[in-house]
Amino acid sequence: MKLISIVVPCYNEQEVLPMFYEEIQKIMKQMQEEHAELIFELVFIDDGSRDKTLEILREMSLKDKRVRYISFSRNFGKEAGMYAGLENAKGDFVVVMDADLQHPPAFLPKMYNYVKDGEFDCATTRRVSRQGESKIRSAFARLFYKIMNKISQTEIVDGAQDFRFMSRQMVDAILNMQEYNRFSKGIFSWVGFKTQYIEYENVERPAGTSSWSFWGLFRYSLEGIMAFSTAPLMIASILGIVSCVVAVILFIVWLIKGFCDGWIFATTTGIMCALFFIGGLQLFCTGILGQYLSKSYLEVKHRPIYLMRENEEIYRSRQENKN
């Protein structure tokens, strides 16, 4: 028998969870009819949801023994949710997908066919369109991929999703990377392994709203850049050199003007502009250094990536004690 673990990070997904569960049941049944050797487990990660997500997961775990869940003590973010799911998945193959049905479960049979014989270690989807997204958000997303692939040695495919069907060997490799500041798109690429990309059109959520704001995605992109590139540090050095060159040029111009115009050149405005220019460069470079230092600071603390408050075993034990 081959066990497939389906990891589903959840944050305030009460509206879509029943729809996802209904859809994934159909796909699991279909795959078992085609491949009798398959068995499944569903590993839901409740990332400190504030709605009824945990209540729904509790009910599902009591009705269906294939359903497992981990509920965090607070919101740790999707990266922590994916790591927790991979860490607790028991399968020979592991799937990571969202609960909002923007990662269509109908792709799972096709993804399994790519991975089952060992020809590929991972099958994943790649969006070829961004229908439903704002033009500004789409433009910034494409810009991020272009910048990332130019300044980093780790290639990240434009439009690649976290929706992945992976072999146990690849999952174990990912779990060996226990860094606190995680950027899974980069980690998936960094560990290597042979990956098959499946192109598809963007799918909108059937219900609820995304928890990802533009600002949240912007901060996430900065996490990715700093996790897989030291180019910003080089930018700070280059700006320092440029500012020194500009300062030398301005000094030469000041000397020439002084000889020609009787030293009536330095004005308050010029001095203020020079001060703001140099001060701005210094603050910008200090900010870059501060960001890298803050990441190192968090890493050396060795804090856990997540803290569990409850899982299906704890909940079942409580219910048995009550009865």
Protein backbone atom coordinates (compact mmCIF):
# COMPACT_ATOMS: atom_id res chain seq x y z
CA MET A 1 0.00 0.00 0.00
CA LYS A 2 1.08 3.58 -0.70
CA LEU A 3 -0.02 6.37 1.63
CA ILE A 4 -0.64 9.84 0.22
CA SER A 5 -0.70 12.65 2.80
CA ILE A 6 -2.59 15.77 1.74
CA VAL A 7 -1.42 18.78 3.75
CA VAL A 8 -3.85 21.71 3.87
CA PRO A 9 -2.88 24.93 5.72
CA CYS A 10 -5.99 26.82 6.87
CA TYR A 11 -6.58 30.31 8.18
CA ASN A 12 -10.20 31.46 8.56
CA GLU A 13 -11.50 29.01 5.94
CA GLN A 14 -14.88 28.14 7.44
CA GLU A 15 -16.74 29.03 4.24
CA VAL A 16 -14.68 26.87 1.88
CA LEU A 17 -13.67 23.93 4.09
CA PRO A 18 -16.91 21.93 3.56
CA MET A 19 -16.64 22.47 -0.21
CA PHE A 20 -12.99 21.44 -0.20
CA TYR A 21 -13.71 18.31 1.85
CA GLU A 22 -16.52 17.28 -0.48
CA GLU A 23 -14.35 17.80 -3.56
CA ILE A 24 -11.27 16.04 -2.18
CA GLN A 25 -13.35 13.03 -1.18
CA LYS A 26 -14.44 12.59 -4.80
CA ILE A 27 -10.86 12.76 -6.04
CA MET A 28 -9.58 10.31 -3.41
CA LYS A 29 -12.30 7.83 -4.34
CA GLN A 30 -11.52 8.23 -8.03
CA MET A 31 -7.81 7.66 -7.47
CA GLN A 32 -8.44 4.57 -5.33
CA GLU A 33 -10.63 3.10 -8.07
CA GLU A 34 -7.81 3.60 -10.58
CA HIS A 35 -5.00 2.60 -8.19
CA ALA A 36 -6.09 0.03 -5.62
CA GLU A 37 -2.81 0.36 -3.72
CA LEU A 38 -3.52 3.93 -2.58
CA ILE A 39 -4.67 5.05 0.86
CA PHE A 40 -5.01 8.65 2.03
CA GLU A 41 -4.75 10.91 5.03
CA LEU A 42 -5.78 14.56 5.25
CA VAL A 43 -3.53 16.72 7.44
CA PHE A 44 -5.17 20.09 8.11
CA ILE A 45 -3.19 22.86 9.82
CA ASP A 46 -5.29 25.43 11.66
CA ASP A 47 -3.07 28.49 11.73
CA GLY A 48 -4.75 30.23 14.68
CA SER A 49 -8.04 30.81 12.86
CA ARG A 50 -10.53 33.19 14.47
CA ASP A 51 -13.64 31.77 12.84
CA LYS A 52 -15.16 28.27 13.06
CA THR A 53 -12.37 26.53 11.13
CA LEU A 54 -11.22 24.53 14.17
CA GLU A 55 -14.78 23.46 15.02
CA ILE A 56 -15.27 22.17 11.48
CA LEU A 57 -11.97 20.26 11.63
CA ARG A 58 -12.97 18.70 14.94
CA GLU A 59 -16.24 17.44 13.47
CA MET A 60 -14.50 16.13 10.35
CA SER A 61 -11.89 14.23 12.41
CA LEU A 62 -14.62 12.50 14.45
CA LYS A 63 -16.54 11.42 11.34
CA ASP A 64 -13.56 10.51 9.15
CA LYS A 65 -10.52 8.71 10.59
CA ARG A 66 -8.46 9.84 7.60
CA VAL A 67 -8.72 13.42 8.82
CA ARG A 68 -5.96 14.68 11.09
CA TYR A 69 -5.35 18.24 12.18
CA ILE A 70 -2.97 20.42 14.14
CA SER A 71 -4.18 23.66 15.68
CA PHE A 72 -1.55 26.30 16.45
CA SER A 73 -1.49 28.29 19.68
CA ARG A 74 -1.65 31.46 17.55
CA ASN A 75 -1.22 32.58 13.97
CA PHE A 76 2.32 31.66 12.85
CA GLY A 77 1.80 32.19 9.11
CA LYS A 78 1.39 29.93 6.10
CA GLU A 79 5.08 29.03 5.97
CA ALA A 80 4.89 27.57 9.47
CA GLY A 81 1.68 25.82 8.49
CA MET A 82 3.29 24.11 5.51
CA TYR A 83 6.31 23.09 7.58
CA ALA A 84 4.10 21.62 10.31
CA GLY A 85 2.12 19.68 7.73
CA LEU A 86 5.22 18.24 6.08
CA GLU A 87 6.72 17.40 9.46
CA ASN A 88 3.62 15.48 10.59
CA ALA A 89 2.71 13.84 7.26
CA LYS A 90 3.28 10.09 7.28
CA GLY A 91 2.81 9.41 3.59
CA ASP A 92 5.05 7.88 0.95
CA PHE A 93 3.94 10.89 -1.08
CA VAL A 94 2.95 14.29 0.29
CA VAL A 95 0.70 16.91 -1.30
CA VAL A 96 0.63 20.56 -0.21
CA MET A 97 -2.44 22.52 -1.30
CA ASP A 98 -4.73 25.34 -0.18
CA ALA A 99 -8.25 24.86 1.12
CA ASP A 100 -9.75 27.64 -1.02
CA LEU A 101 -9.96 25.40 -4.16
CA GLN A 102 -7.65 27.73 -6.09
CA HIS A 103 -5.45 24.64 -6.16
CA PRO A 104 -7.86 22.33 -8.05
CA PRO A 105 -8.00 18.81 -6.51
CA ALA A 106 -8.77 17.48 -10.00
CA PHE A 107 -5.05 17.78 -10.80
CA LEU A 108 -4.06 15.16 -8.20
CA PRO A 109 -4.49 12.05 -10.42
CA LYS A 110 -2.33 13.63 -13.14
CA MET A 111 0.30 14.70 -10.60
CA TYR A 112 0.43 11.20 -9.11
CA ASN A 113 1.04 9.68 -12.54
CA TYR A 114 4.15 11.85 -12.92
CA VAL A 115 5.58 10.95 -9.51
CA LYS A 116 4.51 7.37 -8.86
CA ASP A 117 7.24 5.61 -10.90
CA GLY A 118 10.09 7.82 -9.72
CA GLU A 119 10.57 9.58 -13.06
CA PHE A 120 9.83 12.86 -11.26
CA ASP A 121 10.26 13.70 -7.59
CA CYS A 122 7.70 16.50 -7.70
CA ALA A 123 4.74 17.59 -9.79
CA THR A 124 3.51 21.13 -9.39
CA THR A 125 1.27 23.67 -11.08
CA ARG A 126 2.25 26.91 -12.77
CA ARG A 127 -0.25 29.69 -13.43
CA VAL A 128 -0.10 31.00 -16.99
CA SER A 129 -2.66 33.74 -16.33
CA ARG A 130 -3.63 35.95 -13.41
CA GLN A 131 -7.30 36.45 -14.15
CA GLY A 132 -9.16 37.88 -11.17
CA GLU A 133 -6.12 39.73 -9.82
CA SER A 134 -5.65 43.47 -10.08
CA LYS A 135 -3.25 44.70 -12.75
CA ILE A 136 -1.02 46.33 -10.14
CA ARG A 137 -0.75 43.13 -8.12
CA SER A 138 -0.01 41.07 -11.25
CA ALA A 139 2.62 43.56 -12.42
CA PHE A 140 4.42 43.50 -9.06
CA ALA A 141 4.30 39.69 -9.00
CA ARG A 142 5.97 39.44 -12.42
CA LEU A 143 8.52 42.08 -11.39
CA PHE A 144 9.37 40.08 -8.27
CA TYR A 145 10.11 36.91 -10.28
CA LYS A 146 12.30 38.85 -12.73
CA ILE A 147 14.29 40.51 -9.96
CA MET A 148 14.58 37.31 -7.94
CA ASN A 149 15.92 35.26 -10.83
CA LYS A 150 18.50 37.92 -11.69
CA ILE A 151 19.94 38.42 -8.21
CA SER A 152 19.64 34.87 -6.86
CA GLN A 153 21.37 31.64 -7.83
CA THR A 154 18.15 29.78 -7.02
CA GLU A 155 15.77 29.89 -9.97
CA ILE A 156 12.10 30.41 -9.12
CA VAL A 157 9.72 29.72 -11.98
CA ASP A 158 7.28 32.55 -12.69
CA GLY A 159 3.77 31.52 -11.65
CA ALA A 160 4.91 28.38 -9.77
CA GLN A 161 2.54 27.46 -6.95
CA ASP A 162 2.86 25.90 -3.50
CA PHE A 163 0.48 23.22 -4.81
CA ARG A 164 2.91 20.29 -5.01
CA PHE A 165 2.84 16.50 -5.13
CA MET A 166 6.19 15.33 -3.71
CA SER A 167 8.05 12.13 -3.03
CA ARG A 168 9.08 11.27 0.52
CA GLN A 169 12.75 11.83 -0.39
CA MET A 170 12.06 15.43 -1.43
CA VAL A 171 9.94 16.09 1.66
CA ASP A 172 12.72 14.83 3.93
CA ALA A 173 15.17 17.14 2.16
CA ILE A 174 12.88 20.11 2.76
CA LEU A 175 12.49 19.20 6.43
CA ASN A 176 16.27 19.23 6.81
CA MET A 177 16.13 22.97 6.13
CA GLN A 178 14.94 24.04 9.57
CA GLU A 179 15.46 27.77 9.17
CA TYR A 180 13.07 30.05 11.06
CA ASN A 181 12.64 32.59 8.25
CA ARG A 182 11.13 30.36 5.58
CA PHE A 183 10.36 31.07 1.94
CA SER A 184 9.01 27.81 0.55
CA LYS A 185 9.05 28.77 -3.13
CA GLY A 186 12.80 29.24 -2.82
CA ILE A 187 13.25 26.14 -0.66
CA PHE A 188 11.40 23.95 -3.17
CA SER A 189 13.78 25.14 -5.89
CA TRP A 190 16.93 25.07 -3.75
CA VAL A 191 16.63 21.39 -2.76
CA GLY A 192 16.54 20.50 -6.45
CA PHE A 193 15.00 17.16 -7.50
CA LYS A 194 13.31 16.59 -10.83
CA THR A 195 10.10 18.61 -11.12
CA GLN A 196 7.29 18.50 -13.67
CA TYR A 197 5.32 21.74 -14.16
CA ILE A 198 1.65 21.62 -15.15
CA GLU A 199 0.28 24.83 -16.64
CA TYR A 200 -3.23 26.00 -15.78
CA GLU A 201 -5.43 29.07 -15.79
CA ASN A 202 -5.97 30.97 -12.56
CA VAL A 203 -8.95 29.81 -10.50
CA GLU A 204 -10.80 32.21 -8.21
CA ARG A 205 -12.04 31.35 -4.74
CA PRO A 206 -15.62 29.99 -4.68
CA ALA A 207 -16.26 31.67 -1.29
CA GLY A 208 -14.58 33.76 1.38
CA THR A 209 -11.75 36.24 0.91
CA SER A 210 -7.99 35.81 0.72
CA SER A 211 -6.00 36.66 3.84
CA TRP A 212 -3.13 37.90 1.64
CA SER A 213 -3.13 41.67 1.29
CA PHE A 214 -0.89 43.57 -1.14
CA TRP A 215 1.30 44.71 1.75
CA GLY A 216 1.50 41.16 3.08
CA LEU A 217 2.64 39.86 -0.31
CA PHE A 218 5.17 42.69 -0.58
CA ARG A 219 6.70 41.76 2.78
CA TYR A 220 6.68 38.10 1.76
CA SER A 221 8.59 38.98 -1.43
CA LEU A 222 11.22 40.80 0.65
CA GLU A 223 11.54 37.67 2.79
CA GLY A 224 12.25 35.69 -0.35
CA ILE A 225 14.85 38.12 -1.66
CA MET A 226 16.74 38.21 1.65
CA ALA A 227 16.48 34.47 2.18
CA PHE A 228 18.01 33.53 -1.18
CA SER A 229 20.16 36.47 -2.23
CA THR A 230 22.86 38.73 -0.80
CA ALA A 231 22.50 41.17 -3.70
CA PRO A 232 20.94 43.91 -1.50
CA LEU A 233 24.17 44.00 0.50
CA MET A 234 26.08 44.50 -2.75
CA ILE A 235 23.65 47.30 -3.67
CA ALA A 236 24.52 49.05 -0.40
CA SER A 237 28.22 48.81 -1.23
CA ILE A 238 27.69 50.13 -4.76
CA LEU A 239 25.64 53.06 -3.49
CA GLY A 240 28.40 53.87 -1.03
CA ILE A 241 30.95 53.96 -3.86
CA VAL A 242 28.65 56.05 -6.06
CA SER A 243 28.07 58.58 -3.28
CA CYS A 244 31.83 58.92 -2.75
CA VAL A 245 32.34 59.50 -6.48
CA VAL A 246 29.58 62.11 -6.53
CA ALA A 247 31.12 63.82 -3.49
CA VAL A 248 34.54 63.99 -5.21
CA ILE A 249 32.98 65.40 -8.40
CA LEU A 250 31.07 68.04 -6.43
CA PHE A 251 34.28 68.97 -4.58
CA ILE A 252 36.15 69.43 -7.87
CA VAL A 253 33.31 71.55 -9.26
CA TRP A 254 33.33 73.62 -6.08
CA LEU A 255 37.08 74.26 -6.45
CA ILE A 256 36.74 75.26 -10.10
CA LYS A 257 33.83 77.57 -9.33
CA GLY A 258 35.76 78.99 -6.40
CA PHE A 259 38.70 79.96 -8.59
CA CYS A 260 36.45 81.38 -11.32
CA ASP A 261 33.79 83.17 -9.26
CA GLY A 262 35.75 84.24 -6.21
CA TRP A 263 34.57 81.42 -3.91
CA ILE A 264 30.94 82.54 -4.05
CA PHE A 265 29.54 79.10 -4.76
CA ALA A 266 28.63 77.26 -1.58
CA THR A 267 25.07 78.06 -0.66
CA THR A 268 22.82 76.83 2.13
CA THR A 269 20.60 75.01 -0.38
CA GLY A 270 23.54 73.16 -1.88
CA ILE A 271 24.81 72.12 1.51
CA MET A 272 21.36 70.89 2.57
CA CYS A 273 20.93 68.88 -0.63
CA ALA A 274 24.32 67.26 -0.13
CA LEU A 275 23.52 66.45 3.49
CA PHE A 276 20.15 64.92 2.63
CA PHE A 277 21.70 62.94 -0.23
CA ILE A 278 24.49 61.45 1.88
CA GLY A 279 22.19 60.98 4.90
CA GLY A 280 19.58 59.21 2.79
CA LEU A 281 22.15 56.82 1.35
CA GLN A 282 23.48 56.03 4.80
CA LEU A 283 20.02 55.30 6.19
CA PHE A 284 19.12 53.17 3.17
CA CYS A 285 22.29 51.09 3.49
CA THR A 286 21.86 50.82 7.25
CA GLY A 287 18.31 49.61 6.68
CA ILE A 288 19.51 46.82 4.39
CA LEU A 289 22.10 45.74 6.92
CA GLY A 290 19.46 45.91 9.65
CA GLN A 291 17.13 43.58 7.73
CA TYR A 292 19.82 40.93 7.33
CA LEU A 293 20.88 41.36 10.95
CA SER A 294 17.29 40.94 12.14
CA LYS A 295 16.99 37.67 10.20
CA SER A 296 20.20 36.41 11.79
CA TYR A 297 18.95 37.54 15.21
CA LEU A 298 15.77 35.47 14.83
CA GLU A 299 17.69 32.44 13.57
CA VAL A 300 20.18 32.30 16.45
CA LYS A 301 17.37 32.35 19.00
CA HIS A 302 16.37 28.87 17.79
CA ARG A 303 12.72 29.46 18.53
CA PRO A 304 10.30 26.76 17.32
CA ILE A 305 8.71 27.40 13.93
CA TYR A 306 5.27 26.73 15.43
CA LEU A 307 3.58 25.70 18.69
CA MET A 308 0.74 23.19 18.75
CA ARG A 309 -2.28 23.80 20.97
CA GLU A 310 -4.42 20.84 19.91
CA ASN A 311 -4.62 17.95 17.46
CA GLU A 312 -7.21 15.28 16.69
CA GLU A 313 -5.80 12.86 19.28
CA ILE A 314 -5.97 15.41 22.09
CA TYR A 315 -9.51 16.35 21.09
CA ARG A 316 -10.70 12.73 20.92
CA SER A 317 -9.14 12.07 24.34
CA ARG A 318 -11.01 15.04 25.80
CA GLN A 319 -14.28 13.83 24.33
CA GLU A 320 -13.76 10.33 25.72
CA ASN A 321 -13.01 11.73 29.18
CA LYS A 322 -16.19 13.78 29.07
CA ASN A 323 -18.23 10.73 28.16
